[in-house]
Amino acid sequence: MSTLARLVHLRWNVPVIAELHRGRGGRFVNLVHGLGVSRESLRRTIAFLEADGLVQRNPGYGHPLRPEYLLTDAGARLGEPAVALTDLLRELDATDVGLRKWSLPILTGLGDRPRRFSELGNSLPGTTNRALTLALKDLEAAGLVTRTVTTDYPPATLYGATPPATRVAQAAERLRMPE
């Protein structure tokens, strides 16, 4: 699984990194209310990010309102790209579809030219045909992907990125996890 696909495996990973970067850390309850995420989803997300070495519990003592969670050095490198991506998705009104599991890997996989379904699927190890189909339909409905059926025989279906999707893909490319 690519590092980008791993990072967006959970829907809230990127927004949590962005919020921790904006606030130079954060408290659990503030993240729940600020992001509108359920407590259980945030628990899973924090555990995932801690296991990947991107977030850590604040080891310090002090004021009771000090941040509970901080970005590690590796997480801090993703902070600014995460903020840029979440802001861009909000600007395009595509946050919901843009942060689904396969959306960003598909948009980066499309690149600068239209691709066939099978070609796109082969470039995304770990995805299933059903997941790819559903993600492409959602992205098309959001205006981020175009679907064209050729007049060749046999007809082929090509998927391409729209100009806003190209901007999202460029922002997502900056979000590659450190190896």
N, C-alpha and C. Protein backbone atom coordinates (compact mmCIF):
# COMPACT_ATOMS: atom_id res chain seq x y z
N MET A 1 0.86 -1.17 0.00
CA MET A 1 0.00 0.00 0.00
C MET A 1 0.91 1.24 0.00
N SER A 2 0.60 2.20 -0.86
CA SER A 2 1.41 3.41 -0.93
C SER A 2 1.30 4.19 0.38
N THR A 3 2.28 5.05 0.60
CA THR A 3 2.27 5.82 1.84
C THR A 3 1.07 6.76 1.89
N LEU A 4 0.68 7.32 0.75
CA LEU A 4 -0.49 8.20 0.73
C LEU A 4 -1.76 7.40 1.04
N ALA A 5 -1.89 6.23 0.43
CA ALA A 5 -3.06 5.38 0.70
C ALA A 5 -3.10 4.98 2.16
N ARG A 6 -1.96 4.72 2.75
CA ARG A 6 -1.92 4.37 4.17
C ARG A 6 -2.35 5.56 5.03
N LEU A 7 -1.88 6.76 4.69
CA LEU A 7 -2.23 7.93 5.48
C LEU A 7 -3.72 8.24 5.42
N VAL A 8 -4.34 8.07 4.26
CA VAL A 8 -5.78 8.38 4.13
C VAL A 8 -6.65 7.16 4.39
N HIS A 9 -6.05 6.09 4.90
CA HIS A 9 -6.81 4.88 5.22
C HIS A 9 -7.97 5.18 6.16
N LEU A 10 -7.74 6.05 7.12
CA LEU A 10 -8.81 6.50 8.01
C LEU A 10 -9.18 7.92 7.63
N ARG A 11 -10.45 8.20 7.52
CA ARG A 11 -10.96 9.46 7.02
C ARG A 11 -10.46 10.67 7.81
N TRP A 12 -10.22 10.52 9.10
CA TRP A 12 -9.90 11.67 9.94
C TRP A 12 -8.41 11.91 10.11
N ASN A 13 -7.54 11.08 9.54
CA ASN A 13 -6.10 11.26 9.73
C ASN A 13 -5.62 12.64 9.30
N VAL A 14 -5.92 13.04 8.08
CA VAL A 14 -5.44 14.31 7.55
C VAL A 14 -6.02 15.50 8.32
N PRO A 15 -7.35 15.54 8.59
CA PRO A 15 -7.86 16.66 9.38
C PRO A 15 -7.27 16.75 10.79
N VAL A 16 -7.00 15.61 11.43
CA VAL A 16 -6.41 15.65 12.77
C VAL A 16 -4.99 16.22 12.70
N ILE A 17 -4.21 15.78 11.73
CA ILE A 17 -2.86 16.33 11.57
C ILE A 17 -2.93 17.83 11.31
N ALA A 18 -3.86 18.25 10.47
CA ALA A 18 -4.00 19.68 10.17
C ALA A 18 -4.37 20.47 11.43
N GLU A 19 -5.32 19.96 12.21
CA GLU A 19 -5.73 20.68 13.43
C GLU A 19 -4.62 20.73 14.46
N LEU A 20 -3.88 19.64 14.62
CA LEU A 20 -2.77 19.65 15.57
C LEU A 20 -1.68 20.62 15.11
N HIS A 21 -1.50 20.73 13.80
CA HIS A 21 -0.51 21.67 13.28
C HIS A 21 -0.98 23.11 13.51
N ARG A 22 -2.24 23.38 13.22
CA ARG A 22 -2.78 24.74 13.40
C ARG A 22 -2.68 25.20 14.85
N GLY A 23 -3.04 24.29 15.76
CA GLY A 23 -3.08 24.67 17.17
C GLY A 23 -1.83 24.35 17.95
N ARG A 24 -0.77 23.90 17.26
CA ARG A 24 0.48 23.48 17.92
C ARG A 24 0.17 22.46 19.02
N GLY A 25 -0.68 21.52 18.66
CA GLY A 25 -1.13 20.49 19.59
C GLY A 25 -2.62 20.64 19.82
N GLY A 26 -3.18 19.71 20.55
CA GLY A 26 -4.62 19.80 20.80
C GLY A 26 -5.07 18.85 21.88
N ARG A 27 -6.25 19.13 22.38
CA ARG A 27 -6.89 18.30 23.38
C ARG A 27 -7.96 17.45 22.70
N PHE A 28 -8.19 16.27 23.24
CA PHE A 28 -9.13 15.32 22.65
C PHE A 28 -10.51 15.95 22.47
N VAL A 29 -11.04 16.56 23.52
CA VAL A 29 -12.39 17.11 23.46
C VAL A 29 -12.48 18.24 22.44
N ASN A 30 -11.43 19.06 22.33
CA ASN A 30 -11.43 20.14 21.35
C ASN A 30 -11.40 19.60 19.93
N LEU A 31 -10.68 18.49 19.71
CA LEU A 31 -10.65 17.87 18.39
C LEU A 31 -12.02 17.30 18.03
N VAL A 32 -12.67 16.67 18.99
CA VAL A 32 -14.01 16.11 18.75
C VAL A 32 -14.97 17.22 18.31
N HIS A 33 -14.98 18.31 19.05
CA HIS A 33 -15.92 19.39 18.75
C HIS A 33 -15.50 20.18 17.52
N GLY A 34 -14.21 20.43 17.37
CA GLY A 34 -13.74 21.24 16.24
C GLY A 34 -13.89 20.55 14.90
N LEU A 35 -13.68 19.24 14.88
CA LEU A 35 -13.76 18.49 13.63
C LEU A 35 -15.14 17.89 13.39
N GLY A 36 -15.93 17.75 14.45
CA GLY A 36 -17.23 17.11 14.30
C GLY A 36 -17.11 15.61 14.13
N VAL A 37 -16.10 15.04 14.73
CA VAL A 37 -15.83 13.60 14.65
C VAL A 37 -16.37 12.92 15.90
N SER A 38 -16.77 11.66 15.77
CA SER A 38 -17.22 10.93 16.96
C SER A 38 -16.00 10.58 17.83
N ARG A 39 -16.26 10.35 19.09
CA ARG A 39 -15.17 10.02 20.02
C ARG A 39 -14.47 8.72 19.60
N GLU A 40 -15.26 7.73 19.19
CA GLU A 40 -14.66 6.45 18.80
C GLU A 40 -13.80 6.59 17.55
N SER A 41 -14.28 7.35 16.57
CA SER A 41 -13.49 7.56 15.35
C SER A 41 -12.20 8.30 15.68
N LEU A 42 -12.28 9.28 16.58
CA LEU A 42 -11.07 10.02 16.96
C LEU A 42 -10.11 9.12 17.72
N ARG A 43 -10.63 8.25 18.59
CA ARG A 43 -9.75 7.30 19.30
C ARG A 43 -8.99 6.42 18.32
N ARG A 44 -9.72 5.87 17.33
CA ARG A 44 -9.07 5.03 16.32
C ARG A 44 -8.02 5.81 15.53
N THR A 45 -8.37 7.03 15.17
CA THR A 45 -7.46 7.87 14.39
C THR A 45 -6.20 8.18 15.18
N ILE A 46 -6.36 8.60 16.43
CA ILE A 46 -5.19 8.93 17.27
C ILE A 46 -4.32 7.69 17.45
N ALA A 47 -4.93 6.53 17.70
CA ALA A 47 -4.16 5.30 17.87
C ALA A 47 -3.39 4.97 16.59
N PHE A 48 -4.01 5.13 15.44
CA PHE A 48 -3.35 4.88 14.15
C PHE A 48 -2.18 5.84 13.97
N LEU A 49 -2.40 7.12 14.23
CA LEU A 49 -1.35 8.11 14.04
C LEU A 49 -0.21 7.93 15.05
N GLU A 50 -0.54 7.49 16.27
CA GLU A 50 0.51 7.20 17.26
C GLU A 50 1.33 6.00 16.81
N ALA A 51 0.66 4.96 16.33
CA ALA A 51 1.37 3.76 15.87
C ALA A 51 2.29 4.06 14.69
N ASP A 52 1.90 5.02 13.84
CA ASP A 52 2.73 5.40 12.70
C ASP A 52 3.79 6.43 13.07
N GLY A 53 3.82 6.85 14.32
CA GLY A 53 4.84 7.80 14.77
C GLY A 53 4.61 9.22 14.31
N LEU A 54 3.36 9.59 14.07
CA LEU A 54 3.06 10.95 13.62
C LEU A 54 2.51 11.83 14.74
N VAL A 55 1.92 11.21 15.76
CA VAL A 55 1.33 11.93 16.89
C VAL A 55 1.83 11.27 18.16
N GLN A 56 2.00 12.09 19.20
CA GLN A 56 2.39 11.55 20.50
C GLN A 56 1.60 12.26 21.60
N ARG A 57 1.47 11.58 22.71
CA ARG A 57 0.86 12.23 23.88
C ARG A 57 1.87 13.25 24.39
N ASN A 58 1.38 14.36 24.93
CA ASN A 58 2.25 15.38 25.47
C ASN A 58 2.92 14.83 26.72
N PRO A 59 4.25 14.72 26.70
CA PRO A 59 4.94 14.12 27.84
C PRO A 59 5.12 15.09 29.02
N GLY A 60 4.88 16.37 28.80
CA GLY A 60 5.16 17.38 29.81
C GLY A 60 4.09 17.51 30.87
N TYR A 61 4.47 18.21 31.90
CA TYR A 61 3.54 18.54 32.97
C TYR A 61 3.24 20.02 32.86
N GLY A 62 2.32 20.47 33.63
CA GLY A 62 2.05 21.90 33.63
C GLY A 62 0.58 22.19 33.72
N HIS A 63 0.19 23.19 33.04
CA HIS A 63 -1.18 23.68 33.09
C HIS A 63 -2.16 22.59 32.66
N PRO A 64 -3.29 22.47 33.33
CA PRO A 64 -4.25 21.42 32.97
C PRO A 64 -4.82 21.56 31.56
N LEU A 65 -4.73 22.73 30.96
CA LEU A 65 -5.24 22.91 29.61
C LEU A 65 -4.16 22.76 28.54
N ARG A 66 -2.98 22.26 28.94
CA ARG A 66 -1.94 22.04 27.93
C ARG A 66 -2.42 21.01 26.92
N PRO A 67 -1.89 21.04 25.70
CA PRO A 67 -2.33 20.07 24.68
C PRO A 67 -2.08 18.64 25.11
N GLU A 68 -3.04 17.77 24.88
CA GLU A 68 -2.87 16.35 25.19
C GLU A 68 -2.05 15.65 24.12
N TYR A 69 -2.19 16.12 22.86
CA TYR A 69 -1.53 15.46 21.73
C TYR A 69 -0.70 16.47 20.96
N LEU A 70 0.47 16.02 20.54
CA LEU A 70 1.38 16.83 19.75
C LEU A 70 1.80 16.05 18.52
N LEU A 71 2.19 16.76 17.48
CA LEU A 71 2.78 16.11 16.31
C LEU A 71 4.23 15.77 16.62
N THR A 72 4.67 14.62 16.19
CA THR A 72 6.09 14.27 16.28
C THR A 72 6.81 15.03 15.17
N ASP A 73 8.13 14.86 15.08
CA ASP A 73 8.87 15.52 13.99
C ASP A 73 8.36 15.05 12.63
N ALA A 74 8.08 13.74 12.51
CA ALA A 74 7.56 13.21 11.24
C ALA A 74 6.17 13.78 10.96
N GLY A 75 5.34 13.89 11.98
CA GLY A 75 4.01 14.45 11.81
C GLY A 75 4.05 15.93 11.49
N ALA A 76 5.02 16.65 12.08
CA ALA A 76 5.15 18.08 11.82
C ALA A 76 5.49 18.35 10.36
N ARG A 77 6.23 17.44 9.73
CA ARG A 77 6.56 17.61 8.30
C ARG A 77 5.31 17.50 7.43
N LEU A 78 4.28 16.82 7.94
CA LEU A 78 3.02 16.68 7.20
C LEU A 78 2.01 17.76 7.57
N GLY A 79 2.30 18.55 8.59
CA GLY A 79 1.35 19.53 9.09
C GLY A 79 0.93 20.56 8.06
N GLU A 80 1.89 21.25 7.46
CA GLU A 80 1.56 22.30 6.50
C GLU A 80 0.87 21.73 5.26
N PRO A 81 1.35 20.61 4.68
CA PRO A 81 0.60 20.03 3.55
C PRO A 81 -0.82 19.59 3.93
N ALA A 82 -1.02 19.11 5.15
CA ALA A 82 -2.35 18.69 5.58
C ALA A 82 -3.27 19.90 5.69
N VAL A 83 -2.76 21.00 6.20
CA VAL A 83 -3.55 22.23 6.30
C VAL A 83 -3.93 22.70 4.90
N ALA A 84 -2.94 22.72 3.99
CA ALA A 84 -3.21 23.18 2.62
C ALA A 84 -4.26 22.31 1.94
N LEU A 85 -4.16 20.99 2.12
CA LEU A 85 -5.11 20.07 1.50
C LEU A 85 -6.52 20.25 2.07
N THR A 86 -6.64 20.30 3.39
CA THR A 86 -7.97 20.44 3.98
C THR A 86 -8.59 21.79 3.62
N ASP A 87 -7.78 22.84 3.56
CA ASP A 87 -8.31 24.15 3.15
C ASP A 87 -8.78 24.13 1.69
N LEU A 88 -8.01 23.48 0.82
CA LEU A 88 -8.39 23.38 -0.59
C LEU A 88 -9.68 22.58 -0.76
N LEU A 89 -9.80 21.46 -0.06
CA LEU A 89 -11.02 20.66 -0.15
C LEU A 89 -12.22 21.43 0.37
N ARG A 90 -12.04 22.20 1.42
CA ARG A 90 -13.13 23.03 1.96
C ARG A 90 -13.51 24.10 0.94
N GLU A 91 -12.51 24.71 0.31
CA GLU A 91 -12.77 25.75 -0.71
C GLU A 91 -13.56 25.17 -1.89
N LEU A 92 -13.24 23.94 -2.27
CA LEU A 92 -13.92 23.29 -3.40
C LEU A 92 -15.23 22.62 -2.99
N ASP A 93 -15.57 22.67 -1.71
CA ASP A 93 -16.75 22.01 -1.17
C ASP A 93 -16.71 20.51 -1.49
N ALA A 94 -15.53 19.92 -1.32
CA ALA A 94 -15.34 18.51 -1.63
C ALA A 94 -14.68 17.76 -0.47
N THR A 95 -14.85 18.28 0.75
CA THR A 95 -14.19 17.66 1.89
C THR A 95 -14.65 16.22 2.11
N ASP A 96 -15.95 16.00 2.06
CA ASP A 96 -16.48 14.67 2.33
C ASP A 96 -15.94 13.64 1.34
N VAL A 97 -16.09 13.89 0.06
CA VAL A 97 -15.64 12.93 -0.94
C VAL A 97 -14.11 12.92 -1.04
N GLY A 98 -13.48 14.04 -0.83
CA GLY A 98 -12.03 14.13 -0.98
C GLY A 98 -11.25 13.38 0.08
N LEU A 99 -11.86 13.18 1.25
CA LEU A 99 -11.15 12.49 2.33
C LEU A 99 -11.57 11.04 2.50
N ARG A 100 -12.32 10.52 1.54
CA ARG A 100 -12.65 9.08 1.58
C ARG A 100 -11.41 8.29 1.25
N LYS A 101 -11.44 7.03 1.62
CA LYS A 101 -10.25 6.17 1.59
C LYS A 101 -9.49 6.18 0.26
N TRP A 102 -10.15 6.05 -0.86
CA TRP A 102 -9.44 5.91 -2.13
C TRP A 102 -9.44 7.18 -2.98
N SER A 103 -10.08 8.23 -2.55
CA SER A 103 -10.20 9.42 -3.38
C SER A 103 -8.86 10.06 -3.73
N LEU A 104 -8.04 10.34 -2.73
CA LEU A 104 -6.75 10.99 -3.01
C LEU A 104 -5.80 10.09 -3.79
N PRO A 105 -5.69 8.79 -3.45
CA PRO A 105 -4.85 7.94 -4.28
C PRO A 105 -5.32 7.88 -5.74
N ILE A 106 -6.63 7.89 -5.97
CA ILE A 106 -7.15 7.88 -7.34
C ILE A 106 -6.78 9.17 -8.05
N LEU A 107 -6.98 10.30 -7.40
CA LEU A 107 -6.67 11.58 -8.04
C LEU A 107 -5.19 11.71 -8.36
N THR A 108 -4.32 11.24 -7.48
CA THR A 108 -2.89 11.29 -7.79
C THR A 108 -2.54 10.25 -8.84
N GLY A 109 -3.26 9.13 -8.86
CA GLY A 109 -3.02 8.09 -9.87
C GLY A 109 -3.45 8.50 -11.27
N LEU A 110 -4.44 9.37 -11.37
CA LEU A 110 -4.88 9.83 -12.70
C LEU A 110 -3.81 10.68 -13.37
N GLY A 111 -3.09 11.43 -12.58
CA GLY A 111 -2.03 12.25 -13.16
C GLY A 111 -2.55 13.27 -14.14
N ASP A 112 -1.80 13.47 -15.22
CA ASP A 112 -2.14 14.53 -16.17
C ASP A 112 -2.77 14.01 -17.45
N ARG A 113 -3.13 12.73 -17.48
CA ARG A 113 -3.76 12.18 -18.69
C ARG A 113 -4.88 11.22 -18.30
N PRO A 114 -5.88 11.10 -19.17
CA PRO A 114 -6.96 10.14 -18.89
C PRO A 114 -6.43 8.71 -18.86
N ARG A 115 -7.03 7.90 -18.00
CA ARG A 115 -6.61 6.51 -17.87
C ARG A 115 -7.82 5.59 -17.90
N ARG A 116 -7.57 4.37 -18.37
CA ARG A 116 -8.62 3.35 -18.37
C ARG A 116 -8.78 2.81 -16.96
N PHE A 117 -9.95 2.24 -16.71
CA PHE A 117 -10.28 1.69 -15.39
C PHE A 117 -9.22 0.68 -14.95
N SER A 118 -8.89 -0.26 -15.83
CA SER A 118 -7.93 -1.31 -15.45
C SER A 118 -6.54 -0.74 -15.20
N GLU A 119 -6.15 0.25 -15.99
CA GLU A 119 -4.85 0.88 -15.80
C GLU A 119 -4.80 1.59 -14.44
N LEU A 120 -5.87 2.26 -14.12
CA LEU A 120 -5.95 2.96 -12.84
C LEU A 120 -5.95 1.95 -11.69
N GLY A 121 -6.73 0.90 -11.82
CA GLY A 121 -6.79 -0.14 -10.79
C GLY A 121 -5.44 -0.81 -10.56
N ASN A 122 -4.70 -1.06 -11.64
CA ASN A 122 -3.38 -1.69 -11.51
C ASN A 122 -2.38 -0.78 -10.81
N SER A 123 -2.59 0.54 -10.90
CA SER A 123 -1.66 1.46 -10.26
C SER A 123 -1.98 1.66 -8.77
N LEU A 124 -3.08 1.08 -8.30
CA LEU A 124 -3.49 1.23 -6.91
C LEU A 124 -3.58 -0.13 -6.22
N PRO A 125 -2.45 -0.70 -5.83
CA PRO A 125 -2.51 -2.00 -5.17
C PRO A 125 -3.31 -1.92 -3.88
N GLY A 126 -4.10 -2.93 -3.64
CA GLY A 126 -4.91 -2.98 -2.43
C GLY A 126 -6.35 -2.56 -2.65
N THR A 127 -6.64 -1.97 -3.80
CA THR A 127 -8.02 -1.58 -4.06
C THR A 127 -8.74 -2.71 -4.77
N THR A 128 -10.05 -2.74 -4.61
CA THR A 128 -10.87 -3.72 -5.32
C THR A 128 -11.60 -2.99 -6.44
N ASN A 129 -12.10 -3.75 -7.40
CA ASN A 129 -12.87 -3.14 -8.49
C ASN A 129 -14.10 -2.39 -7.95
N ARG A 130 -14.74 -2.96 -6.95
CA ARG A 130 -15.92 -2.32 -6.38
C ARG A 130 -15.55 -1.00 -5.72
N ALA A 131 -14.48 -1.00 -4.93
CA ALA A 131 -14.05 0.23 -4.25
C ALA A 131 -13.66 1.30 -5.27
N LEU A 132 -12.97 0.87 -6.32
CA LEU A 132 -12.56 1.82 -7.36
C LEU A 132 -13.79 2.38 -8.09
N THR A 133 -14.74 1.53 -8.41
CA THR A 133 -15.96 1.98 -9.09
C THR A 133 -16.73 2.99 -8.25
N LEU A 134 -16.93 2.66 -6.97
CA LEU A 134 -17.68 3.56 -6.09
C LEU A 134 -16.95 4.90 -5.91
N ALA A 135 -15.64 4.84 -5.74
CA ALA A 135 -14.87 6.07 -5.56
C ALA A 135 -14.91 6.93 -6.83
N LEU A 136 -14.79 6.30 -8.00
CA LEU A 136 -14.84 7.06 -9.25
C LEU A 136 -16.22 7.71 -9.44
N LYS A 137 -17.30 6.99 -9.09
CA LYS A 137 -18.64 7.57 -9.20
C LYS A 137 -18.79 8.77 -8.28
N ASP A 138 -18.30 8.65 -7.05
CA ASP A 138 -18.38 9.76 -6.10
C ASP A 138 -17.56 10.96 -6.57
N LEU A 139 -16.36 10.70 -7.09
CA LEU A 139 -15.51 11.78 -7.58
C LEU A 139 -16.11 12.45 -8.81
N GLU A 140 -16.74 11.66 -9.66
CA GLU A 140 -17.41 12.22 -10.84
C GLU A 140 -18.59 13.10 -10.41
N ALA A 141 -19.37 12.63 -9.45
CA ALA A 141 -20.52 13.41 -8.97
C ALA A 141 -20.07 14.72 -8.32
N ALA A 142 -18.86 14.72 -7.72
CA ALA A 142 -18.33 15.93 -7.09
C ALA A 142 -17.64 16.85 -8.08
N GLY A 143 -17.57 16.43 -9.34
CA GLY A 143 -16.95 17.27 -10.35
C GLY A 143 -15.43 17.22 -10.36
N LEU A 144 -14.86 16.18 -9.77
CA LEU A 144 -13.40 16.06 -9.72
C LEU A 144 -12.85 15.11 -10.78
N VAL A 145 -13.71 14.28 -11.35
CA VAL A 145 -13.29 13.30 -12.36
C VAL A 145 -14.27 13.37 -13.53
N THR A 146 -13.73 13.24 -14.73
CA THR A 146 -14.57 13.13 -15.92
C THR A 146 -14.53 11.70 -16.41
N ARG A 147 -15.64 11.26 -16.96
CA ARG A 147 -15.75 9.90 -17.51
C ARG A 147 -16.12 10.05 -18.97
N THR A 148 -15.30 9.46 -19.85
CA THR A 148 -15.53 9.56 -21.29
C THR A 148 -15.54 8.15 -21.88
N VAL A 149 -16.58 7.84 -22.66
CA VAL A 149 -16.63 6.57 -23.38
C VAL A 149 -16.21 6.85 -24.82
N THR A 150 -15.17 6.15 -25.27
CA THR A 150 -14.65 6.38 -26.62
C THR A 150 -15.55 5.74 -27.66
N THR A 151 -15.39 6.18 -28.90
CA THR A 151 -16.17 5.62 -30.00
C THR A 151 -15.44 4.47 -30.68
N ASP A 152 -14.32 4.06 -30.13
CA ASP A 152 -13.56 2.94 -30.69
C ASP A 152 -14.38 1.66 -30.60
N TYR A 153 -13.89 0.65 -31.30
CA TYR A 153 -14.50 -0.67 -31.15
C TYR A 153 -13.45 -1.61 -30.62
N PRO A 154 -13.62 -2.23 -29.50
CA PRO A 154 -14.72 -2.04 -28.56
C PRO A 154 -14.55 -0.71 -27.81
N PRO A 155 -15.65 -0.14 -27.36
CA PRO A 155 -15.57 1.13 -26.65
C PRO A 155 -14.74 1.00 -25.38
N ALA A 156 -14.07 2.05 -25.03
CA ALA A 156 -13.28 2.09 -23.79
C ALA A 156 -13.77 3.27 -22.96
N THR A 157 -13.64 3.13 -21.67
CA THR A 157 -14.01 4.21 -20.76
C THR A 157 -12.74 4.80 -20.20
N LEU A 158 -12.61 6.11 -20.33
CA LEU A 158 -11.44 6.83 -19.83
C LEU A 158 -11.86 7.76 -18.70
N TYR A 159 -11.03 7.81 -17.67
CA TYR A 159 -11.27 8.69 -16.54
C TYR A 159 -10.15 9.72 -16.49
N GLY A 160 -10.52 10.97 -16.30
CA GLY A 160 -9.54 12.04 -16.23
C GLY A 160 -9.84 12.97 -15.08
N ALA A 161 -8.82 13.69 -14.66
CA ALA A 161 -8.96 14.64 -13.57
C ALA A 161 -9.37 16.00 -14.12
N THR A 162 -10.29 16.66 -13.45
CA THR A 162 -10.68 18.02 -13.82
C THR A 162 -9.62 18.98 -13.25
N PRO A 163 -9.60 20.24 -13.69
CA PRO A 163 -8.62 21.19 -13.14
C PRO A 163 -8.64 21.31 -11.61
N PRO A 164 -9.81 21.37 -10.96
CA PRO A 164 -9.77 21.38 -9.49
C PRO A 164 -9.16 20.10 -8.90
N ALA A 165 -9.42 18.97 -9.55
CA ALA A 165 -8.87 17.70 -9.07
C ALA A 165 -7.35 17.69 -9.21
N THR A 166 -6.85 18.33 -10.24
CA THR A 166 -5.40 18.41 -10.42
C THR A 166 -4.77 19.20 -9.28
N ARG A 167 -5.44 20.28 -8.85
CA ARG A 167 -4.96 21.04 -7.69
C ARG A 167 -4.96 20.19 -6.43
N VAL A 168 -6.02 19.39 -6.25
CA VAL A 168 -6.11 18.52 -5.08
C VAL A 168 -5.01 17.47 -5.14
N ALA A 169 -4.77 16.89 -6.31
CA ALA A 169 -3.73 15.87 -6.46
C ALA A 169 -2.36 16.45 -6.15
N GLN A 170 -2.09 17.67 -6.59
CA GLN A 170 -0.81 18.30 -6.31
C GLN A 170 -0.65 18.53 -4.80
N ALA A 171 -1.72 18.95 -4.14
CA ALA A 171 -1.67 19.14 -2.69
C ALA A 171 -1.46 17.80 -1.98
N ALA A 172 -2.10 16.75 -2.48
CA ALA A 172 -1.97 15.42 -1.87
C ALA A 172 -0.57 14.86 -2.07
N GLU A 173 0.07 15.16 -3.18
CA GLU A 173 1.43 14.69 -3.43
C GLU A 173 2.39 15.21 -2.36
N ARG A 174 2.14 16.40 -1.87
CA ARG A 174 2.99 16.97 -0.81
C ARG A 174 2.78 16.25 0.52
N LEU A 175 1.75 15.43 0.59
CA LEU A 175 1.35 14.78 1.82
C LEU A 175 1.94 13.37 1.97
N ARG A 176 2.87 13.01 1.14
CA ARG A 176 3.48 11.68 1.23
C ARG A 176 4.12 11.50 2.61
N MET A 177 3.83 10.35 3.23
CA MET A 177 4.39 10.08 4.55
C MET A 177 5.89 9.85 4.44
N PRO A 178 6.66 10.30 5.44
CA PRO A 178 8.09 10.02 5.44
C PRO A 178 8.33 8.52 5.56
N GLU A 179 9.30 8.07 4.84
CA GLU A 179 9.62 6.62 4.87
C GLU A 179 10.41 6.27 6.10
